[in-house]
All heavy atoms as atom14 arrays in JSON, in Angstrom:
{
  "sequence": "STDQMTLVWSDANGVACLRLQGTLARALLPSQTAQ",
  "atom14_mask": [
    [1, 1, 1, 1, 1, 1, 0, 0, 0, 0, 0, 0, 0, 0],
    [1, 1, 1, 1, 1, 1, 1, 0, 0, 0, 0, 0, 0, 0],
    [1, 1, 1, 1, 1, 1, 1, 1, 0, 0, 0, 0, 0, 0],
    [1, 1, 1, 1, 1, 1, 1, 1, 1, 0, 0, 0, 0, 0],
    [1, 1, 1, 1, 1, 1, 1, 1, 0, 0, 0, 0, 0, 0],
    [1, 1, 1, 1, 1, 1, 1, 0, 0, 0, 0, 0, 0, 0],
    [1, 1, 1, 1, 1, 1, 1, 1, 0, 0, 0, 0, 0, 0],
    [1, 1, 1, 1, 1, 1, 1, 0, 0, 0, 0, 0, 0, 0],
    [1, 1, 1, 1, 1, 1, 1, 1, 1, 1, 1, 1, 1, 1],
    [1, 1, 1, 1, 1, 1, 0, 0, 0, 0, 0, 0, 0, 0],
    [1, 1, 1, 1, 1, 1, 1, 1, 0, 0, 0, 0, 0, 0],
    [1, 1, 1, 1, 1, 0, 0, 0, 0, 0, 0, 0, 0, 0],
    [1, 1, 1, 1, 1, 1, 1, 1, 0, 0, 0, 0, 0, 0],
    [1, 1, 1, 1, 0, 0, 0, 0, 0, 0, 0, 0, 0, 0],
    [1, 1, 1, 1, 1, 1, 1, 0, 0, 0, 0, 0, 0, 0],
    [1, 1, 1, 1, 1, 0, 0, 0, 0, 0, 0, 0, 0, 0],
    [1, 1, 1, 1, 1, 1, 0, 0, 0, 0, 0, 0, 0, 0],
    [1, 1, 1, 1, 1, 1, 1, 1, 0, 0, 0, 0, 0, 0],
    [1, 1, 1, 1, 1, 1, 1, 1, 1, 1, 1, 0, 0, 0],
    [1, 1, 1, 1, 1, 1, 1, 1, 0, 0, 0, 0, 0, 0],
    [1, 1, 1, 1, 1, 1, 1, 1, 1, 0, 0, 0, 0, 0],
    [1, 1, 1, 1, 0, 0, 0, 0, 0, 0, 0, 0, 0, 0],
    [1, 1, 1, 1, 1, 1, 1, 0, 0, 0, 0, 0, 0, 0],
    [1, 1, 1, 1, 1, 1, 1, 1, 0, 0, 0, 0, 0, 0],
    [1, 1, 1, 1, 1, 0, 0, 0, 0, 0, 0, 0, 0, 0],
    [1, 1, 1, 1, 1, 1, 1, 1, 1, 1, 1, 0, 0, 0],
    [1, 1, 1, 1, 1, 0, 0, 0, 0, 0, 0, 0, 0, 0],
    [1, 1, 1, 1, 1, 1, 1, 1, 0, 0, 0, 0, 0, 0],
    [1, 1, 1, 1, 1, 1, 1, 1, 0, 0, 0, 0, 0, 0],
    [1, 1, 1, 1, 1, 1, 1, 0, 0, 0, 0, 0, 0, 0],
    [1, 1, 1, 1, 1, 1, 0, 0, 0, 0, 0, 0, 0, 0],
    [1, 1, 1, 1, 1, 1, 1, 1, 1, 0, 0, 0, 0, 0],
    [1, 1, 1, 1, 1, 1, 1, 0, 0, 0, 0, 0, 0, 0],
    [1, 1, 1, 1, 1, 0, 0, 0, 0, 0, 0, 0, 0, 0],
    [1, 1, 1, 1, 1, 1, 1, 1, 1, 0, 0, 0, 0, 0]
  ],
  "atom14_positions": [
    [[15.16, 6.06, -10.92], [13.87, 5.43, -11.13], [13.9, 4.08, -11.75], [14.86, 3.78, -12.5], [12.87, 6.22, -12.0], [12.55, 7.53, -11.45], [0.0, 0.0, 0.0], [0.0, 0.0, 0.0], [0.0, 0.0, 0.0], [0.0, 0.0, 0.0], [0.0, 0.0, 0.0], [0.0, 0.0, 0.0], [0.0, 0.0, 0.0], [0.0, 0.0, 0.0]],
    [[13.13, 3.07, -11.35], [13.07, 1.71, -11.92], [11.7, 1.39, -12.45], [10.79, 2.21, -12.25], [13.39, 0.78, -10.74], [12.39, 0.74, -9.87], [14.76, 1.05, -10.04], [0.0, 0.0, 0.0], [0.0, 0.0, 0.0], [0.0, 0.0, 0.0], [0.0, 0.0, 0.0], [0.0, 0.0, 0.0], [0.0, 0.0, 0.0], [0.0, 0.0, 0.0]],
    [[11.65, 0.3, -13.16], [10.37, -0.07, -13.72], [9.31, -0.6, -12.59], [8.2, -0.81, -12.96], [10.58, -1.24, -14.68], [11.35, -0.75, -15.95], [11.37, 0.49, -16.09], [12.08, -1.49, -16.55], [0.0, 0.0, 0.0], [0.0, 0.0, 0.0], [0.0, 0.0, 0.0], [0.0, 0.0, 0.0], [0.0, 0.0, 0.0], [0.0, 0.0, 0.0]],
    [[9.89, -0.88, -11.38], [8.88, -1.43, -10.31], [8.12, -0.22, -9.84], [8.62, 0.86, -9.45], [9.86, -1.99, -9.29], [10.64, -3.24, -9.69], [11.47, -3.8, -8.61], [11.58, -3.14, -7.57], [11.95, -4.94, -8.79], [0.0, 0.0, 0.0], [0.0, 0.0, 0.0], [0.0, 0.0, 0.0], [0.0, 0.0, 0.0], [0.0, 0.0, 0.0]],
    [[6.82, -0.51, -9.6], [5.89, 0.5, -9.17], [5.67, 0.35, -7.7], [5.62, -0.76, -7.08], [4.62, 0.3, -9.85], [3.53, 1.43, -9.59], [1.96, 1.37, -10.55], [1.39, -0.31, -10.1], [0.0, 0.0, 0.0], [0.0, 0.0, 0.0], [0.0, 0.0, 0.0], [0.0, 0.0, 0.0], [0.0, 0.0, 0.0], [0.0, 0.0, 0.0]],
    [[5.61, 1.45, -6.94], [5.41, 1.5, -5.5], [4.1, 2.25, -5.18], [3.56, 2.99, -6.0], [6.62, 2.16, -4.82], [6.7, 3.48, -5.2], [7.93, 1.49, -5.17], [0.0, 0.0, 0.0], [0.0, 0.0, 0.0], [0.0, 0.0, 0.0], [0.0, 0.0, 0.0], [0.0, 0.0, 0.0], [0.0, 0.0, 0.0], [0.0, 0.0, 0.0]],
    [[3.77, 1.92, -4.04], [2.5, 2.6, -3.55], [2.69, 3.19, -2.14], [3.28, 2.5, -1.24], [1.31, 1.56, -3.39], [0.0, 2.12, -2.67], [-0.6, 3.2, -3.41], [-0.84, 0.95, -2.43], [0.0, 0.0, 0.0], [0.0, 0.0, 0.0], [0.0, 0.0, 0.0], [0.0, 0.0, 0.0], [0.0, 0.0, 0.0], [0.0, 0.0, 0.0]],
    [[2.48, 4.5, -1.94], [2.49, 5.15, -0.69], [1.07, 5.28, -0.18], [0.16, 5.9, -0.72], [3.11, 6.47, -0.8], [3.13, 7.21, 0.56], [4.53, 6.45, -1.4], [0.0, 0.0, 0.0], [0.0, 0.0, 0.0], [0.0, 0.0, 0.0], [0.0, 0.0, 0.0], [0.0, 0.0, 0.0], [0.0, 0.0, 0.0], [0.0, 0.0, 0.0]],
    [[0.85, 4.62, 0.94], [-0.49, 4.51, 1.47], [-0.41, 5.19, 2.87], [0.42, 4.91, 3.65], [-1.03, 3.11, 1.69], [-2.34, 2.98, 2.5], [-2.53, 2.71, 3.85], [-3.62, 3.21, 1.99], [-3.82, 2.65, 4.11], [-4.66, 3.05, 2.94], [-4.16, 3.55, 0.72], [-5.9, 3.22, 2.84], [-5.41, 3.59, 0.49], [-6.3, 3.43, 1.56]],
    [[-1.42, 6.12, 3.03], [-1.6, 6.95, 4.3], [-3.04, 6.92, 4.76], [-3.91, 7.18, 3.91], [-1.01, 8.37, 4.12], [-1.78, 9.07, 3.12], [0.0, 0.0, 0.0], [0.0, 0.0, 0.0], [0.0, 0.0, 0.0], [0.0, 0.0, 0.0], [0.0, 0.0, 0.0], [0.0, 0.0, 0.0], [0.0, 0.0, 0.0], [0.0, 0.0, 0.0]],
    [[-3.24, 6.8, 6.05], [-4.47, 6.84, 6.64], [-4.22, 7.16, 8.07], [-3.27, 7.52, 8.57], [-5.33, 5.57, 6.48], [-4.62, 4.34, 7.1], [-3.59, 4.46, 7.77], [-5.04, 3.17, 6.83], [0.0, 0.0, 0.0], [0.0, 0.0, 0.0], [0.0, 0.0, 0.0], [0.0, 0.0, 0.0], [0.0, 0.0, 0.0], [0.0, 0.0, 0.0]],
    [[-5.32, 6.95, 8.85], [-5.3, 7.41, 10.32], [-4.25, 6.51, 11.11], [-3.87, 6.85, 12.18], [-6.66, 7.34, 10.95], [0.0, 0.0, 0.0], [0.0, 0.0, 0.0], [0.0, 0.0, 0.0], [0.0, 0.0, 0.0], [0.0, 0.0, 0.0], [0.0, 0.0, 0.0], [0.0, 0.0, 0.0], [0.0, 0.0, 0.0], [0.0, 0.0, 0.0]],
    [[-3.81, 5.34, 10.57], [-2.86, 4.53, 11.18], [-1.51, 4.77, 10.85], [-0.62, 4.04, 11.41], [-3.22, 2.98, 10.81], [-4.69, 2.63, 11.34], [-5.03, 2.98, 12.46], [-5.39, 1.99, 10.53], [0.0, 0.0, 0.0], [0.0, 0.0, 0.0], [0.0, 0.0, 0.0], [0.0, 0.0, 0.0], [0.0, 0.0, 0.0], [0.0, 0.0, 0.0]],
    [[-1.21, 5.61, 9.95], [0.18, 6.03, 9.63], [0.36, 6.06, 8.19], [-0.61, 6.1, 7.38], [0.0, 0.0, 0.0], [0.0, 0.0, 0.0], [0.0, 0.0, 0.0], [0.0, 0.0, 0.0], [0.0, 0.0, 0.0], [0.0, 0.0, 0.0], [0.0, 0.0, 0.0], [0.0, 0.0, 0.0], [0.0, 0.0, 0.0], [0.0, 0.0, 0.0]],
    [[1.7, 5.84, 7.75], [2.16, 5.92, 6.45], [2.99, 4.61, 6.08], [3.79, 4.29, 6.84], [3.0, 7.22, 6.0], [3.42, 7.16, 4.6], [2.21, 8.41, 6.38], [0.0, 0.0, 0.0], [0.0, 0.0, 0.0], [0.0, 0.0, 0.0], [0.0, 0.0, 0.0], [0.0, 0.0, 0.0], [0.0, 0.0, 0.0], [0.0, 0.0, 0.0]],
    [[2.59, 3.98, 4.88], [3.5, 2.91, 4.49], [3.8, 2.99, 3.05], [3.06, 3.37, 2.12], [2.46, 1.58, 4.71], [0.0, 0.0, 0.0], [0.0, 0.0, 0.0], [0.0, 0.0, 0.0], [0.0, 0.0, 0.0], [0.0, 0.0, 0.0], [0.0, 0.0, 0.0], [0.0, 0.0, 0.0], [0.0, 0.0, 0.0], [0.0, 0.0, 0.0]],
    [[5.1, 2.52, 2.87], [5.63, 2.58, 1.41], [5.68, 0.98, 1.03], [6.43, 0.21, 1.6], [7.0, 3.09, 1.39], [6.96, 4.85, 1.78], [0.0, 0.0, 0.0], [0.0, 0.0, 0.0], [0.0, 0.0, 0.0], [0.0, 0.0, 0.0], [0.0, 0.0, 0.0], [0.0, 0.0, 0.0], [0.0, 0.0, 0.0], [0.0, 0.0, 0.0]],
    [[4.82, 0.6, 0.01], [4.75, -0.71, -0.4], [5.19, -0.95, -1.9], [4.89, -0.15, -2.75], [3.26, -1.13, -0.29], [2.49, -0.76, 1.07], [1.07, -1.13, 1.02], [3.2, -1.65, 2.27], [0.0, 0.0, 0.0], [0.0, 0.0, 0.0], [0.0, 0.0, 0.0], [0.0, 0.0, 0.0], [0.0, 0.0, 0.0], [0.0, 0.0, 0.0]],
    [[5.81, -1.99, -2.07], [6.2, -2.57, -3.36], [5.02, -3.46, -3.89], [4.49, -4.15, -3.08], [7.46, -3.3, -3.49], [8.66, -2.29, -3.12], [10.03, -3.1, -3.3], [11.19, -2.29, -3.07], [11.75, -1.46, -4.02], [11.18, -1.4, -5.26], [12.79, -0.8, -3.67], [0.0, 0.0, 0.0], [0.0, 0.0, 0.0], [0.0, 0.0, 0.0]],
    [[4.71, -3.44, -5.15], [3.53, -3.95, -5.53], [3.72, -5.45, -6.25], [2.77, -5.93, -6.69], [2.76, -3.13, -6.68], [2.31, -1.8, -6.05], [1.51, -1.08, -7.05], [1.56, -1.82, -4.76], [0.0, 0.0, 0.0], [0.0, 0.0, 0.0], [0.0, 0.0, 0.0], [0.0, 0.0, 0.0], [0.0, 0.0, 0.0], [0.0, 0.0, 0.0]],
    [[5.03, -5.89, -6.07], [5.22, -7.29, -6.52], [4.62, -8.3, -5.48], [4.76, -8.07, -4.29], [6.77, -7.49, -6.73], [7.42, -6.85, -7.88], [7.46, -5.31, -7.62], [7.56, -4.93, -6.52], [7.44, -4.52, -8.75], [0.0, 0.0, 0.0], [0.0, 0.0, 0.0], [0.0, 0.0, 0.0], [0.0, 0.0, 0.0], [0.0, 0.0, 0.0]],
    [[3.89, -9.23, -6.02], [3.36, -10.29, -5.18], [2.02, -9.79, -4.5], [1.41, -8.92, -4.96], [0.0, 0.0, 0.0], [0.0, 0.0, 0.0], [0.0, 0.0, 0.0], [0.0, 0.0, 0.0], [0.0, 0.0, 0.0], [0.0, 0.0, 0.0], [0.0, 0.0, 0.0], [0.0, 0.0, 0.0], [0.0, 0.0, 0.0], [0.0, 0.0, 0.0]],
    [[1.53, -10.37, -3.41], [0.26, -10.07, -2.88], [0.44, -9.46, -1.49], [-0.61, -9.18, -0.88], [-0.41, -11.53, -2.66], [0.38, -12.27, -1.79], [-0.69, -12.23, -4.04], [0.0, 0.0, 0.0], [0.0, 0.0, 0.0], [0.0, 0.0, 0.0], [0.0, 0.0, 0.0], [0.0, 0.0, 0.0], [0.0, 0.0, 0.0], [0.0, 0.0, 0.0]],
    [[1.62, -8.97, -1.03], [1.73, -8.39, 0.19], [1.04, -7.08, 0.33], [0.21, -6.74, 1.37], [3.17, -8.24, 0.61], [3.49, -7.57, 1.97], [2.89, -8.39, 3.01], [4.97, -7.41, 2.12], [0.0, 0.0, 0.0], [0.0, 0.0, 0.0], [0.0, 0.0, 0.0], [0.0, 0.0, 0.0], [0.0, 0.0, 0.0], [0.0, 0.0, 0.0]],
    [[1.15, -6.2, -0.69], [0.55, -4.97, -0.68], [-1.03, -5.13, -0.62], [-1.67, -4.29, 0.2], [0.81, -4.22, -1.97], [0.0, 0.0, 0.0], [0.0, 0.0, 0.0], [0.0, 0.0, 0.0], [0.0, 0.0, 0.0], [0.0, 0.0, 0.0], [0.0, 0.0, 0.0], [0.0, 0.0, 0.0], [0.0, 0.0, 0.0], [0.0, 0.0, 0.0]],
    [[-1.59, -5.95, -1.35], [-3.15, -6.08, -1.28], [-3.48, -6.59, 0.11], [-4.54, -6.21, 0.66], [-3.62, -7.09, -2.35], [-3.42, -6.58, -3.87], [-4.03, -7.46, -4.75], [-3.86, -7.2, -6.16], [-4.56, -6.09, -6.79], [-5.49, -5.42, -6.08], [-4.21, -5.76, -8.01], [0.0, 0.0, 0.0], [0.0, 0.0, 0.0], [0.0, 0.0, 0.0]],
    [[-2.65, -7.38, 0.69], [-3.04, -8.0, 2.02], [-2.89, -6.91, 3.1], [-3.68, -6.95, 4.02], [-2.09, -9.24, 2.38], [0.0, 0.0, 0.0], [0.0, 0.0, 0.0], [0.0, 0.0, 0.0], [0.0, 0.0, 0.0], [0.0, 0.0, 0.0], [0.0, 0.0, 0.0], [0.0, 0.0, 0.0], [0.0, 0.0, 0.0], [0.0, 0.0, 0.0]],
    [[-1.95, -5.96, 2.94], [-1.8, -4.88, 3.98], [-2.73, -3.75, 3.86], [-3.03, -3.1, 4.87], [-0.32, -4.44, 3.91], [0.77, -5.4, 4.18], [2.08, -4.69, 4.02], [0.59, -5.84, 5.64], [0.0, 0.0, 0.0], [0.0, 0.0, 0.0], [0.0, 0.0, 0.0], [0.0, 0.0, 0.0], [0.0, 0.0, 0.0], [0.0, 0.0, 0.0]],
    [[-3.36, -3.55, 2.69], [-4.3, -2.53, 2.56], [-5.57, -2.88, 3.17], [-6.04, -4.01, 2.91], [-4.55, -2.21, 0.98], [-3.45, -1.59, 0.28], [-3.69, -1.32, -1.25], [-3.05, -0.19, 0.91], [0.0, 0.0, 0.0], [0.0, 0.0, 0.0], [0.0, 0.0, 0.0], [0.0, 0.0, 0.0], [0.0, 0.0, 0.0], [0.0, 0.0, 0.0]],
    [[-6.2, -1.99, 3.95], [-7.42, -2.37, 4.53], [-8.56, -2.45, 3.53], [-8.63, -1.72, 2.46], [-7.78, -1.03, 5.38], [-6.97, 0.06, 4.72], [-5.77, -0.62, 4.19], [0.0, 0.0, 0.0], [0.0, 0.0, 0.0], [0.0, 0.0, 0.0], [0.0, 0.0, 0.0], [0.0, 0.0, 0.0], [0.0, 0.0, 0.0], [0.0, 0.0, 0.0]],
    [[-9.43, -3.53, 3.75], [-10.51, -3.86, 2.74], [-11.55, -2.82, 2.78], [-12.26, -2.54, 1.86], [-11.06, -5.22, 2.99], [-11.58, -5.27, 4.32], [0.0, 0.0, 0.0], [0.0, 0.0, 0.0], [0.0, 0.0, 0.0], [0.0, 0.0, 0.0], [0.0, 0.0, 0.0], [0.0, 0.0, 0.0], [0.0, 0.0, 0.0], [0.0, 0.0, 0.0]],
    [[-11.81, -2.24, 4.0], [-12.87, -1.28, 4.13], [-12.27, -0.11, 4.97], [-11.56, -0.24, 5.82], [-14.1, -1.81, 4.87], [-14.79, -2.89, 4.12], [-15.99, -3.4, 4.78], [-16.2, -3.08, 5.94], [-16.82, -4.25, 4.14], [0.0, 0.0, 0.0], [0.0, 0.0, 0.0], [0.0, 0.0, 0.0], [0.0, 0.0, 0.0], [0.0, 0.0, 0.0]],
    [[-12.76, 1.15, 4.6], [-12.39, 2.36, 5.33], [-13.58, 3.22, 5.6], [-14.66, 2.9, 4.93], [-11.43, 3.24, 4.41], [-11.99, 3.54, 3.19], [-10.08, 2.38, 4.19], [0.0, 0.0, 0.0], [0.0, 0.0, 0.0], [0.0, 0.0, 0.0], [0.0, 0.0, 0.0], [0.0, 0.0, 0.0], [0.0, 0.0, 0.0], [0.0, 0.0, 0.0]],
    [[-13.59, 4.13, 6.53], [-14.7, 4.91, 6.86], [-15.08, 5.77, 5.73], [-16.38, 6.13, 5.63], [-14.32, 5.84, 8.0], [0.0, 0.0, 0.0], [0.0, 0.0, 0.0], [0.0, 0.0, 0.0], [0.0, 0.0, 0.0], [0.0, 0.0, 0.0], [0.0, 0.0, 0.0], [0.0, 0.0, 0.0], [0.0, 0.0, 0.0], [0.0, 0.0, 0.0]],
    [[-14.24, 6.1, 4.78], [-14.63, 6.91, 3.59], [-13.77, 6.61, 2.53], [-12.66, 5.86, 2.67], [-14.4, 8.38, 3.95], [-13.09, 8.84, 4.49], [-13.13, 10.29, 4.87], [-13.49, 11.09, 4.05], [-12.66, 10.6, 6.05], [0.0, 0.0, 0.0], [0.0, 0.0, 0.0], [0.0, 0.0, 0.0], [0.0, 0.0, 0.0], [0.0, 0.0, 0.0]]
  ]
}
């Protein structure tokens, strides 16, 4: 384990493993979802 935090995002479009440094993770996450 490291100090860097990761996010595993899953929805109807698939599964993505994202590192949270920078703005890439926020940009890839959908702004709106059906639920």
